[in-house]
Protein backbone atom coordinates (compact mmCIF):
# COMPACT_ATOMS: atom_id res chain seq x y z
CA UNK A 1 0.00 0.00 0.00
CA UNK A 2 2.88 2.42 0.67
CA UNK A 3 4.07 2.36 -2.95
CA UNK A 4 0.53 3.13 -4.12
CA UNK A 5 0.30 6.12 -1.78
CA UNK A 6 3.70 7.49 -2.79
CA UNK A 7 2.83 7.15 -6.47
CA UNK A 8 -0.47 8.99 -6.04
CA UNK A 9 1.13 11.78 -4.01
CA UNK A 10 3.87 12.18 -6.61
CA UNK A 11 1.36 12.39 -9.48
CA UNK A 12 -1.45 14.41 -7.95
CA UNK A 13 -2.12 17.96 -9.11
CA UNK A 14 -3.14 20.19 -6.16
CA UNK A 15 -4.99 22.47 -8.58
CA UNK A 16 -7.30 19.60 -9.62
CA UNK A 17 -7.00 16.67 -7.18
CA UNK A 18 -7.28 15.95 -3.46
CA UNK A 19 -5.34 13.32 -1.51
CA UNK A 20 -6.48 12.25 1.97
CA UNK A 21 -4.67 9.92 4.31
CA UNK A 22 -6.81 9.35 7.39
CA UNK A 23 -5.38 7.43 10.32
CA UNK A 24 -7.22 6.19 13.38
CA UNK A 25 -5.41 3.94 15.80
CA UNK A 26 -3.95 1.07 13.81
CA UNK A 27 -6.09 1.66 10.73
CA UNK A 28 -5.56 4.02 7.82
CA UNK A 29 -7.65 5.00 4.86
CA UNK A 30 -6.31 6.53 1.65
CA UNK A 31 -8.45 8.54 -0.75
CA UNK A 32 -7.33 10.03 -4.05
CA UNK A 33 -10.08 12.23 -5.48
CA UNK A 34 -9.91 13.29 -9.12
CA UNK A 35 -12.31 14.79 -11.67
CA UNK A 36 -14.01 16.83 -8.96
CA UNK A 37 -16.95 19.08 -9.89
CA UNK A 38 -15.12 21.97 -8.19
CA UNK A 39 -11.36 22.39 -8.06
CA UNK A 40 -9.67 22.60 -4.64
CA UNK A 41 -8.82 26.32 -5.11
CA UNK A 42 -12.45 27.06 -6.09
CA UNK A 43 -13.68 25.12 -3.08
CA UNK A 44 -11.34 27.02 -0.77
CA UNK A 45 -12.55 30.37 -2.13
CA UNK A 46 -16.19 29.34 -1.75
CA UNK A 47 -15.71 28.18 1.84
CA UNK A 48 -13.88 31.40 2.74
CA UNK A 49 -16.59 33.51 1.11
CA UNK A 50 -19.41 31.66 2.89
CA UNK A 51 -17.52 30.86 6.11
CA UNK A 52 -20.47 31.65 8.41
CA UNK A 53 -22.49 28.85 6.82
CA UNK A 54 -19.89 26.35 8.02
CA UNK A 55 -20.05 27.41 11.67
CA UNK A 56 -22.05 25.28 14.17
CA UNK A 57 -23.98 28.24 15.56
CA UNK A 58 -25.27 29.08 12.08
CA UNK A 59 -26.80 25.61 11.68
CA UNK A 60 -28.53 25.90 15.03
CA UNK A 61 -29.99 29.31 14.22
CA UNK A 62 -31.41 27.97 10.93
CA UNK A 63 -33.09 25.12 12.82
CA UNK A 64 -34.74 27.58 15.20
CA UNK A 65 -36.04 29.73 12.35
CA UNK A 66 -37.62 26.82 10.46
CA UNK A 67 -39.50 25.33 13.40
């Protein structure tokens, strides 16, 4: 599995692709995301622009308004 991870990291384009290596205890998961509907830089700009939507208090206030 290590060779596969190193190959993906060497080949990935940070302008188009995302590589995740998630580790929990003795287990690890590897994800190589390509052909995304939004590029990582576009995603970053969108999250920064709409940052309040990603805050926990915002979600709670929406729930109160809709009930």
